[in-house]
Amino acid sequence: MSTKELILKEIEEIPESYWEEVLSLVQTIKKITQLKKEKEEYSGGLGGLWKGVEFSEEDIADARKEMWGSLGERKV
């Protein structure tokens, strides 16, 4: 007997007065499953945007110069 068949057999033995609780449990499990799936699909911030892109030391140095080059200079 498959797991699905065992679950259905067990549910059939639960009194009807508990069916709403069983439904609530199943819906909660579905929601947890969906959240886990979404979490697995999430790239983890901006890191996924740069996947496969390589930067040389020169690229990084140039970017730093451009970004911080005029730091501390005052315009009068």
N, C-alpha and C. Protein backbone atom coordinates (compact mmCIF):
# COMPACT_ATOMS: atom_id res chain seq x y z
N MET A 1 0.85 -1.18 0.00
CA MET A 1 0.00 0.00 0.00
C MET A 1 0.90 1.25 0.00
N SER A 2 0.59 2.21 -0.85
CA SER A 2 1.38 3.44 -0.93
C SER A 2 1.10 4.34 0.26
N THR A 3 1.99 5.30 0.46
CA THR A 3 1.81 6.26 1.55
C THR A 3 0.51 7.03 1.39
N LYS A 4 0.22 7.40 0.15
CA LYS A 4 -1.02 8.14 -0.12
C LYS A 4 -2.23 7.30 0.28
N GLU A 5 -2.22 6.04 -0.08
CA GLU A 5 -3.34 5.15 0.27
C GLU A 5 -3.45 4.99 1.78
N LEU A 6 -2.33 4.89 2.47
CA LEU A 6 -2.35 4.77 3.93
C LEU A 6 -2.93 6.04 4.58
N ILE A 7 -2.54 7.20 4.04
CA ILE A 7 -3.07 8.46 4.57
C ILE A 7 -4.58 8.53 4.38
N LEU A 8 -5.03 8.19 3.18
CA LEU A 8 -6.48 8.22 2.91
C LEU A 8 -7.23 7.24 3.80
N LYS A 9 -6.65 6.06 4.02
CA LYS A 9 -7.28 5.06 4.89
C LYS A 9 -7.40 5.60 6.32
N GLU A 10 -6.33 6.24 6.79
CA GLU A 10 -6.35 6.80 8.14
C GLU A 10 -7.40 7.92 8.26
N ILE A 11 -7.47 8.75 7.24
CA ILE A 11 -8.45 9.85 7.25
C ILE A 11 -9.87 9.31 7.30
N GLU A 12 -10.11 8.24 6.56
CA GLU A 12 -11.46 7.65 6.54
C GLU A 12 -11.87 7.17 7.93
N GLU A 13 -10.90 6.84 8.77
CA GLU A 13 -11.21 6.33 10.11
C GLU A 13 -11.40 7.44 11.15
N ILE A 14 -11.10 8.67 10.76
CA ILE A 14 -11.26 9.80 11.67
C ILE A 14 -12.73 10.22 11.68
N PRO A 15 -13.27 10.45 12.86
CA PRO A 15 -14.68 10.88 12.93
C PRO A 15 -14.89 12.19 12.16
N GLU A 16 -16.04 12.30 11.56
CA GLU A 16 -16.37 13.46 10.73
C GLU A 16 -16.24 14.77 11.49
N SER A 17 -16.45 14.74 12.78
CA SER A 17 -16.36 15.96 13.58
C SER A 17 -14.94 16.55 13.58
N TYR A 18 -13.93 15.78 13.18
CA TYR A 18 -12.54 16.24 13.15
C TYR A 18 -12.06 16.60 11.74
N TRP A 19 -12.90 16.48 10.75
CA TRP A 19 -12.48 16.71 9.37
C TRP A 19 -11.99 18.13 9.13
N GLU A 20 -12.61 19.10 9.77
CA GLU A 20 -12.16 20.48 9.59
C GLU A 20 -10.74 20.67 10.12
N GLU A 21 -10.42 20.00 11.23
CA GLU A 21 -9.07 20.08 11.77
C GLU A 21 -8.07 19.39 10.84
N VAL A 22 -8.47 18.26 10.27
CA VAL A 22 -7.61 17.56 9.32
C VAL A 22 -7.35 18.45 8.10
N LEU A 23 -8.41 19.08 7.60
CA LEU A 23 -8.27 19.98 6.46
C LEU A 23 -7.31 21.12 6.80
N SER A 24 -7.44 21.69 7.97
CA SER A 24 -6.56 22.77 8.41
C SER A 24 -5.10 22.30 8.45
N LEU A 25 -4.88 21.10 8.95
CA LEU A 25 -3.52 20.55 9.00
C LEU A 25 -2.94 20.36 7.60
N VAL A 26 -3.76 19.83 6.71
CA VAL A 26 -3.31 19.62 5.33
C VAL A 26 -2.99 20.96 4.67
N GLN A 27 -3.81 21.96 4.87
CA GLN A 27 -3.56 23.29 4.30
C GLN A 27 -2.29 23.91 4.87
N THR A 28 -2.05 23.68 6.17
CA THR A 28 -0.82 24.19 6.79
C THR A 28 0.40 23.51 6.18
N ILE A 29 0.33 22.21 5.98
CA ILE A 29 1.44 21.48 5.37
C ILE A 29 1.68 21.99 3.95
N LYS A 30 0.62 22.24 3.20
CA LYS A 30 0.76 22.79 1.84
C LYS A 30 1.46 24.14 1.87
N LYS A 31 1.07 24.99 2.82
CA LYS A 31 1.66 26.33 2.92
C LYS A 31 3.15 26.22 3.28
N ILE A 32 3.50 25.36 4.21
CA ILE A 32 4.90 25.15 4.59
C ILE A 32 5.70 24.65 3.40
N THR A 33 5.13 23.72 2.65
CA THR A 33 5.79 23.18 1.46
C THR A 33 6.05 24.28 0.44
N GLN A 34 5.06 25.13 0.23
CA GLN A 34 5.20 26.24 -0.72
C GLN A 34 6.28 27.21 -0.27
N LEU A 35 6.30 27.54 1.03
CA LEU A 35 7.30 28.46 1.56
C LEU A 35 8.71 27.89 1.42
N LYS A 36 8.86 26.59 1.67
CA LYS A 36 10.17 25.94 1.51
C LYS A 36 10.61 25.98 0.05
N LYS A 37 9.68 25.75 -0.85
CA LYS A 37 9.99 25.79 -2.28
C LYS A 37 10.44 27.19 -2.69
N GLU A 38 9.72 28.21 -2.23
CA GLU A 38 10.08 29.59 -2.54
C GLU A 38 11.45 29.94 -1.97
N LYS A 39 11.72 29.45 -0.77
CA LYS A 39 13.02 29.71 -0.14
C LYS A 39 14.15 29.08 -0.95
N GLU A 40 13.93 27.87 -1.45
CA GLU A 40 14.94 27.18 -2.26
C GLU A 40 15.17 27.91 -3.58
N GLU A 41 14.12 28.49 -4.14
CA GLU A 41 14.22 29.19 -5.41
C GLU A 41 14.85 30.58 -5.27
N TYR A 42 14.83 31.13 -4.05
CA TYR A 42 15.38 32.46 -3.80
C TYR A 42 16.88 32.43 -4.02
N SER A 43 17.39 33.39 -4.74
CA SER A 43 18.81 33.41 -5.11
C SER A 43 19.72 33.82 -3.97
N GLY A 44 19.19 34.34 -2.90
CA GLY A 44 20.02 34.73 -1.78
C GLY A 44 20.57 36.14 -1.89
N GLY A 45 19.73 37.08 -2.15
CA GLY A 45 20.17 38.47 -2.24
C GLY A 45 20.62 38.81 -3.65
N LEU A 46 21.59 39.68 -3.73
CA LEU A 46 22.07 40.14 -5.02
C LEU A 46 23.08 39.20 -5.65
N GLY A 47 23.55 38.22 -4.89
CA GLY A 47 24.57 37.31 -5.39
C GLY A 47 24.18 36.64 -6.70
N GLY A 48 22.92 36.32 -6.86
CA GLY A 48 22.46 35.67 -8.08
C GLY A 48 22.58 36.55 -9.31
N LEU A 49 22.55 37.86 -9.10
CA LEU A 49 22.68 38.78 -10.23
C LEU A 49 24.07 38.72 -10.85
N TRP A 50 25.06 38.38 -10.04
CA TRP A 50 26.44 38.38 -10.49
C TRP A 50 26.96 36.99 -10.80
N LYS A 51 26.09 36.00 -10.74
CA LYS A 51 26.51 34.62 -10.99
C LYS A 51 27.14 34.50 -12.38
N GLY A 52 28.32 33.94 -12.43
CA GLY A 52 29.00 33.73 -13.69
C GLY A 52 29.85 34.91 -14.16
N VAL A 53 29.75 36.05 -13.46
CA VAL A 53 30.53 37.22 -13.82
C VAL A 53 31.81 37.23 -12.99
N GLU A 54 32.93 37.45 -13.64
CA GLU A 54 34.19 37.49 -12.93
C GLU A 54 34.79 38.89 -13.04
N PHE A 55 35.38 39.36 -11.95
CA PHE A 55 36.02 40.66 -11.90
C PHE A 55 37.49 40.46 -11.62
N SER A 56 38.31 41.21 -12.36
CA SER A 56 39.75 41.15 -12.12
C SER A 56 40.11 42.13 -11.00
N GLU A 57 41.32 42.00 -10.49
CA GLU A 57 41.80 42.93 -9.47
C GLU A 57 41.80 44.35 -10.04
N GLU A 58 42.13 44.47 -11.31
CA GLU A 58 42.15 45.79 -11.96
C GLU A 58 40.75 46.40 -12.01
N ASP A 59 39.74 45.57 -12.33
CA ASP A 59 38.35 46.05 -12.36
C ASP A 59 37.96 46.60 -10.99
N ILE A 60 38.32 45.87 -9.95
CA ILE A 60 37.97 46.28 -8.58
C ILE A 60 38.70 47.56 -8.22
N ALA A 61 39.99 47.64 -8.55
CA ALA A 61 40.78 48.84 -8.24
C ALA A 61 40.20 50.05 -8.96
N ASP A 62 39.84 49.90 -10.23
CA ASP A 62 39.25 51.00 -10.99
C ASP A 62 37.93 51.47 -10.37
N ALA A 63 37.12 50.52 -9.97
CA ALA A 63 35.83 50.86 -9.36
C ALA A 63 36.05 51.61 -8.05
N ARG A 64 37.04 51.17 -7.27
CA ARG A 64 37.33 51.86 -6.01
C ARG A 64 37.81 53.28 -6.26
N LYS A 65 38.69 53.45 -7.25
CA LYS A 65 39.19 54.80 -7.57
C LYS A 65 38.04 55.71 -7.99
N GLU A 66 37.16 55.18 -8.83
CA GLU A 66 36.02 55.97 -9.30
C GLU A 66 35.09 56.33 -8.15
N MET A 67 34.89 55.40 -7.26
CA MET A 67 33.95 55.60 -6.17
C MET A 67 34.52 56.50 -5.07
N TRP A 68 35.76 56.30 -4.71
CA TRP A 68 36.35 57.00 -3.58
C TRP A 68 37.37 58.07 -4.00
N GLY A 69 37.58 58.23 -5.28
CA GLY A 69 38.62 59.13 -5.77
C GLY A 69 38.55 60.54 -5.25
N SER A 70 37.37 61.11 -5.15
CA SER A 70 37.26 62.51 -4.72
C SER A 70 36.84 62.64 -3.25
N LEU A 71 36.90 61.57 -2.53
CA LEU A 71 36.52 61.60 -1.11
C LEU A 71 37.44 62.53 -0.33
N GLY A 72 36.88 63.42 0.39
CA GLY A 72 37.65 64.33 1.20
C GLY A 72 37.99 65.64 0.50
N GLU A 73 37.77 65.72 -0.81
CA GLU A 73 38.03 66.96 -1.53
C GLU A 73 36.87 67.92 -1.30
N ARG A 74 37.22 69.15 -1.06
CA ARG A 74 36.18 70.16 -0.83
C ARG A 74 36.09 71.07 -2.05
N LYS A 75 34.89 71.36 -2.41
CA LYS A 75 34.66 72.33 -3.48
C LYS A 75 34.37 73.66 -2.83
N VAL A 76 35.16 74.65 -3.19
CA VAL A 76 35.00 75.97 -2.57
C VAL A 76 34.30 76.90 -3.50
